Protein backbone atom coordinates (compact mmCIF):
# COMPACT_ATOMS: atom_id res chain seq x y z
CA MET A 1 -4.02 -0.43 17.16
CA LYS A 2 -1.08 -2.69 17.96
CA GLU A 3 -0.65 -4.08 14.46
CA ASN A 4 -0.32 -0.54 13.08
CA LYS A 5 2.67 0.03 15.40
CA ILE A 6 4.41 -3.11 14.14
CA ILE A 7 3.66 -2.25 10.50
CA THR A 8 5.05 1.26 11.12
CA ILE A 9 8.31 -0.28 12.36
CA THR A 10 8.56 -2.66 9.39
CA ALA A 11 7.71 0.22 7.03
CA PHE A 12 10.71 2.12 8.44
CA PHE A 13 12.96 -0.90 7.79
CA ASN A 14 11.55 -1.24 4.26
CA LEU A 15 12.31 2.42 3.58
CA ILE A 16 15.93 1.96 4.71
CA VAL A 17 16.24 -1.13 2.51
CA ALA A 18 14.76 0.70 -0.50
CA PHE A 19 17.19 3.62 -0.18
CA LEU A 20 20.16 1.31 0.36
CA LYS A 21 19.32 -0.51 -2.86
CA LEU A 22 18.60 2.65 -4.86
CA ILE A 23 21.70 4.55 -3.75
CA SER A 24 23.95 1.52 -4.26
CA GLY A 25 22.39 0.81 -7.65
CA ILE A 26 22.98 4.38 -8.85
CA THR A 27 26.48 4.60 -7.30
CA PHE A 28 27.69 1.40 -8.97
CA SER A 29 25.54 1.71 -12.14
CA PHE A 30 23.83 -1.60 -11.30
CA SER A 31 20.47 -1.39 -13.13
CA THR A 32 19.19 -4.72 -11.71
CA LEU A 33 19.60 -3.36 -8.18
CA ILE A 34 17.89 -0.08 -9.15
CA ALA A 35 14.95 -2.10 -10.49
CA ASP A 36 14.90 -4.23 -7.33
CA SER A 37 14.80 -1.12 -5.13
CA ILE A 38 11.36 -0.45 -6.64
CA GLN A 39 10.07 -3.64 -5.02
CA SER A 40 11.21 -2.38 -1.60
CA PHE A 41 9.63 1.04 -2.15
CA ILE A 42 6.39 -0.72 -3.04
CA ASP A 43 6.66 -2.70 0.21
CA PHE A 44 6.99 0.62 2.03
CA PHE A 45 4.02 2.22 0.23
CA THR A 46 1.92 -0.89 0.81
CA ASP A 47 2.67 -0.68 4.54
CA ILE A 48 1.64 2.99 4.62
CA ALA A 49 -1.53 2.23 2.63
CA SER A 50 -2.38 -0.57 5.08
CA ILE A 51 -1.98 1.76 8.07
CA ILE A 52 -4.21 4.43 6.49
CA ALA A 53 -6.76 1.86 5.36
CA ASN A 54 -6.87 0.39 8.87
CA LYS A 55 -7.62 3.79 10.41
CA VAL A 56 -10.20 4.78 7.81
CA GLY A 57 -11.73 1.32 7.53
CA LYS A 58 -12.68 1.11 11.21
CA ARG A 59 -14.89 4.22 11.04
CA ARG A 60 -18.51 3.51 11.84
CA ALA A 61 -21.13 3.37 9.13
CA ASN A 62 -23.09 6.56 8.49
CA LYS A 63 -25.80 7.86 6.16
CA THR A 64 -23.30 8.48 3.36
CA TYR A 65 -21.63 5.07 3.74
CA PRO A 66 -24.29 2.84 5.34
CA PHE A 67 -22.06 -0.25 5.09
CA GLY A 68 -18.92 1.37 6.48
CA TYR A 69 -15.59 2.14 4.84
CA GLY A 70 -14.39 -1.40 4.11
CA GLN A 71 -13.85 -0.75 0.41
CA VAL A 72 -10.94 1.55 1.27
CA TYR A 73 -8.74 -1.56 1.53
CA TYR A 74 -9.36 -2.38 -2.10
CA LEU A 75 -8.83 1.22 -3.23
CA ALA A 76 -5.51 1.44 -1.35
CA ASN A 77 -4.23 -1.82 -2.85
CA LEU A 78 -5.56 -0.91 -6.31
CA PHE A 79 -3.63 2.37 -6.20
CA THR A 80 -0.48 0.48 -5.16
CA GLY A 81 -0.95 -1.97 -8.03
CA PHE A 82 -1.39 0.85 -10.55
CA LEU A 83 1.71 2.62 -9.20
CA LEU A 84 3.65 -0.63 -9.50
CA PHE A 85 2.54 -0.99 -13.14
CA LEU A 86 3.83 2.51 -13.96
CA ILE A 87 7.14 1.67 -12.33
CA GLY A 88 7.33 -1.48 -14.47
CA ILE A 89 7.05 0.75 -17.55
CA PHE A 90 9.93 2.87 -16.21
CA ILE A 91 12.11 -0.23 -15.73
CA ILE A 92 11.41 -1.30 -19.32
CA TYR A 93 12.32 2.22 -20.50
CA GLN A 94 15.53 1.97 -18.53
CA PHE A 95 16.25 -1.41 -20.13
CA PHE A 96 16.03 -0.04 -23.68
CA PHE A 97 17.33 3.53 -23.38
CA PHE A 98 19.69 3.77 -20.40
CA LYS A 99 23.29 2.88 -21.23
CA ILE A 100 24.98 1.79 -18.01
CA ASN A 101 28.42 0.21 -17.82
CA PHE A 102 28.27 -1.92 -14.72
CA GLU A 103 31.45 -3.05 -13.02
CA PRO A 104 30.86 -5.69 -10.32
CA ASN A 105 32.11 -4.62 -6.90
CA ILE A 106 32.40 -6.52 -3.62
CA SER A 107 30.89 -3.50 -1.84
CA ILE A 108 27.56 -4.26 -3.52
CA ALA A 109 27.67 -7.78 -2.10
CA ILE A 110 28.15 -6.31 1.40
CA VAL A 111 25.17 -3.97 0.89
CA LEU A 112 23.02 -6.87 -0.30
CA MET A 113 23.93 -8.95 2.76
CA ILE A 114 22.90 -6.03 5.01
CA VAL A 115 19.66 -5.74 3.05
CA LEU A 116 18.94 -9.45 3.44
CA LEU A 117 19.56 -9.17 7.19
CA LEU A 118 17.11 -6.26 7.50
CA LYS A 119 14.49 -8.07 5.42
CA THR A 120 14.88 -11.15 7.62
CA ILE A 121 14.13 -8.98 10.67
CA VAL A 122 11.04 -7.56 8.93
CA ILE A 123 9.75 -11.01 7.97
CA LYS A 124 10.29 -12.42 11.47
CA LEU A 125 8.54 -9.43 13.09
CA LEU A 126 5.52 -9.70 10.81
CA GLN A 127 5.26 -13.48 11.17
CA HIS A 128 5.63 -13.42 14.96
CA TYR A 129 3.17 -10.62 15.68
CA GLY A 130 0.87 -11.71 12.86
CA LYS A 131 0.34 -14.99 14.72
CA GLU A 132 0.19 -13.30 18.14
CA PHE A 133 -2.43 -10.73 17.07
CA LYS A 134 -4.10 -13.18 14.65
CA SER A 135 -3.62 -10.48 12.01
CA GLU A 136 -4.17 -11.62 8.43
CA LEU A 137 -2.96 -8.21 7.30
CA MET A 138 0.47 -8.72 8.89
CA ILE A 139 0.72 -12.29 7.60
CA GLU A 140 0.05 -11.03 4.06
CA ALA A 141 2.65 -8.28 4.58
CA SER A 142 5.18 -10.95 5.60
CA LYS A 143 4.56 -12.74 2.30
CA GLU A 144 5.25 -9.51 0.37
CA SER A 145 8.47 -9.00 2.34
CA ARG A 146 9.48 -12.59 1.61
CA ALA A 147 9.00 -11.89 -2.10
CA ASP A 148 11.29 -8.85 -1.74
CA PHE A 149 13.82 -11.05 0.08
CA ILE A 150 13.78 -13.54 -2.80
CA SER A 151 14.17 -10.79 -5.41
CA THR A 152 17.24 -9.51 -3.52
CA CYS A 153 18.68 -13.03 -3.57
CA VAL A 154 18.19 -12.98 -7.36
CA VAL A 155 20.13 -9.68 -7.53
CA LEU A 156 22.90 -11.28 -5.51
CA VAL A 157 23.04 -14.18 -7.99
CA VAL A 158 23.21 -11.70 -10.89
CA LEU A 159 26.09 -9.95 -9.12
CA MET A 160 27.95 -13.23 -8.59
CA ILE A 161 27.53 -14.12 -12.27
CA SER A 162 28.82 -10.65 -13.23
CA PHE A 163 32.12 -11.43 -11.49
CA LEU A 164 32.55 -14.18 -14.10
CA GLU A 165 32.11 -11.80 -17.04
CA GLU A 166 35.43 -12.87 -18.60
CA TYR A 167 33.88 -16.29 -19.18
CA ILE A 168 30.60 -14.87 -20.56
CA PRO A 169 30.16 -13.94 -24.27
CA SER A 170 30.41 -10.17 -24.82
CA PHE A 171 26.94 -9.95 -26.37
CA ILE A 172 25.35 -11.16 -23.12
CA ASN A 173 24.74 -8.34 -20.62
CA VAL A 174 23.91 -10.05 -17.32
CA ASP A 175 22.86 -6.78 -15.67
CA LYS A 176 20.43 -5.97 -18.50
CA ILE A 177 18.93 -9.45 -18.38
CA GLY A 178 18.48 -9.15 -14.62
CA SER A 179 16.78 -5.78 -15.04
CA LEU A 180 14.41 -7.21 -17.65
CA GLY A 181 13.57 -10.09 -15.31
CA MET A 182 12.71 -7.61 -12.58
CA ALA A 183 10.46 -5.68 -14.97
CA ILE A 184 8.54 -8.84 -15.88
CA TYR A 185 8.12 -9.68 -12.19
CA VAL A 186 6.88 -6.15 -11.43
CA PHE A 187 4.32 -6.31 -14.26
CA TYR A 188 3.10 -9.72 -13.09
CA THR A 189 2.73 -8.53 -9.49
CA SER A 190 0.96 -5.28 -10.43
CA ILE A 191 -1.54 -6.91 -12.81
CA LYS A 192 -2.31 -9.66 -10.29
CA MET A 193 -2.83 -7.04 -7.56
CA MET A 194 -5.12 -4.85 -9.68
CA ILE A 195 -7.27 -7.74 -10.92
CA SER A 196 -7.63 -9.15 -7.40
CA ASN A 197 -8.72 -5.82 -5.89
CA ILE A 198 -11.05 -4.85 -8.76
CA ARG A 199 -12.72 -8.25 -8.35
CA GLY A 200 -12.94 -7.65 -4.60
CA MET A 201 -14.62 -4.25 -5.07
CA PHE A 202 -17.37 -5.78 -7.17
CA THR A 203 -17.86 -8.94 -5.12
CA ASN A 204 -21.55 -9.55 -4.62
CA ASP A 205 -22.84 -9.82 -1.06
CA GLU A 206 -24.36 -13.21 -1.97
CA ASP A 207 -20.81 -14.55 -2.36
CA ASN A 208 -20.47 -14.33 1.42
CA ASN A 209 -23.45 -16.55 2.30
CA ASP A 210 -21.40 -18.94 4.45
CA ILE A 211 -20.20 -16.28 6.85
CA LYS A 212 -23.67 -14.67 6.88
CA GLU A 213 -25.15 -17.97 8.03
CA GLU A 214 -22.42 -18.27 10.66
CA ILE A 215 -23.25 -14.78 11.99
CA GLU A 216 -27.00 -15.45 12.03
CA ASN A 217 -26.45 -18.62 14.06
CA GLU A 218 -24.34 -16.70 16.58
CA LEU A 219 -27.02 -13.99 16.92
CA LYS A 220 -29.70 -16.58 17.72
CA LYS A 221 -27.91 -17.14 21.05
CA PHE A 222 -29.05 -13.67 22.19
CA LYS A 223 -32.67 -13.77 23.37
CA ASN A 224 -33.44 -10.05 23.71
CA ILE A 225 -32.63 -9.05 20.10
CA GLN A 226 -33.73 -10.32 16.70
CA CYS A 227 -31.55 -10.01 13.63
CA LYS A 228 -33.40 -8.48 10.67
CA ARG A 229 -30.55 -8.09 8.19
CA VAL A 230 -26.91 -9.09 7.83
CA LYS A 231 -24.63 -7.37 5.31
CA VAL A 232 -21.14 -8.80 4.80
CA ILE A 233 -18.45 -6.91 2.90
CA LYS A 234 -15.12 -8.61 2.27
CA MET A 235 -12.28 -6.13 2.45
CA SER A 236 -8.87 -7.49 1.62
CA SER A 237 -8.42 -10.50 3.93
CA TYR A 238 -11.04 -9.30 6.42
CA TYR A 239 -14.80 -8.92 6.76
CA SER A 240 -16.81 -5.86 7.65
CA ILE A 241 -20.24 -6.71 9.13
CA PHE A 242 -23.33 -4.48 9.08
CA LEU A 243 -26.28 -5.66 11.22
CA GLN A 244 -29.84 -4.39 11.55
CA VAL A 245 -31.47 -5.67 14.74
CA ARG A 246 -34.72 -5.20 16.64
CA ALA A 247 -34.68 -5.25 20.45
CA ASP A 248 -37.47 -6.33 22.83
CA GLU A 249 -39.73 -3.44 23.88
CA ASN A 250 -39.02 -3.88 27.60
CA ILE A 251 -35.24 -3.70 27.26
CA THR A 252 -33.45 -0.64 28.67
CA ILE A 253 -30.82 1.35 26.79
CA LYS A 254 -28.20 0.23 29.29
CA ASP A 255 -29.10 -3.43 28.75
CA TYR A 256 -29.11 -2.98 24.97
CA LEU A 257 -25.63 -1.40 24.96
CA ARG A 258 -24.37 -4.27 27.13
CA ILE A 259 -25.85 -6.82 24.70
CA GLU A 260 -24.42 -4.95 21.69
CA LYS A 261 -20.97 -5.11 23.25
CA LYS A 262 -21.38 -8.86 23.86
CA VAL A 263 -22.55 -9.41 20.28
CA LYS A 264 -19.46 -7.73 18.85
CA SER A 265 -17.17 -9.63 21.19
CA GLN A 266 -18.85 -12.97 20.38
CA LEU A 267 -18.71 -12.44 16.61
CA ARG A 268 -15.02 -11.47 16.68
CA SER A 269 -14.12 -14.48 18.83
CA SER A 270 -16.10 -16.83 16.55
CA ASN A 271 -14.26 -15.64 13.44
CA GLN A 272 -10.87 -13.88 13.62
CA LEU A 273 -11.36 -12.45 10.12
CA ILE A 274 -14.27 -10.25 11.25
CA ARG A 275 -12.65 -6.88 11.75
CA PHE A 276 -15.37 -4.19 11.83
CA ILE A 277 -18.95 -4.53 13.11
CA ASP A 278 -21.69 -1.89 12.85
CA ILE A 279 -25.08 -2.50 14.49
CA GLU A 280 -28.17 -0.44 13.69
CA LEU A 281 -31.14 -0.64 16.05
CA LEU A 282 -34.45 -0.56 14.17
């Protein structure tokens, strides 16, 4: 799958960015940068989860999972959200109990500029190929990378302010405030992610009536088969479709397989968000 190759490349860039931030944060005792590195690691883990979910999610339906493996998208994202929440707790712990004496250094600014350059490459890759492949998954990934880009810009601002520490009251620790801000952002992102995916896992099939009607109308164009049931499962930004059809008695297996192939092609071209299609012949 082409989009998996692009996401693998961007995941590699995200991993480099995460380690650059973490190592620099530890080396220069910059807690805000350490907290920000978490965001980049989450970007990396989200990319890996998306790749795995893509491979598992496209498996055909079977007796154990009659409606396919679409829910794996929600489980992958839910796990990422829970992991992010735990990391938020760690950042808060760091805020209260870690005593770090940060001394602003121009080397950090250089590292941050390199990071911003790498993140720009990631965003451009995801946006370009997301449009080319009409991949909602890659477009969503580009939004996450943009959020990481913005958080790095915030770290850069914190660093710039730290250079003016002689003009700042001694009781104000800019690095600590920046770290706390990152923790709040991480908590907000994780809770939003978990709520969204829990809601998605329990979405009722009736909530997808519009797309079901769209599919039924498309199937009416095929004269040799009759649609008996349409099951629509929303998985992340995509749809997984399960169809039960009855074919005319005089149709051959070869003709049926040709029609099935045309049905899948027609449904995917009619709606780019339809990712997986399983057809059961009654």
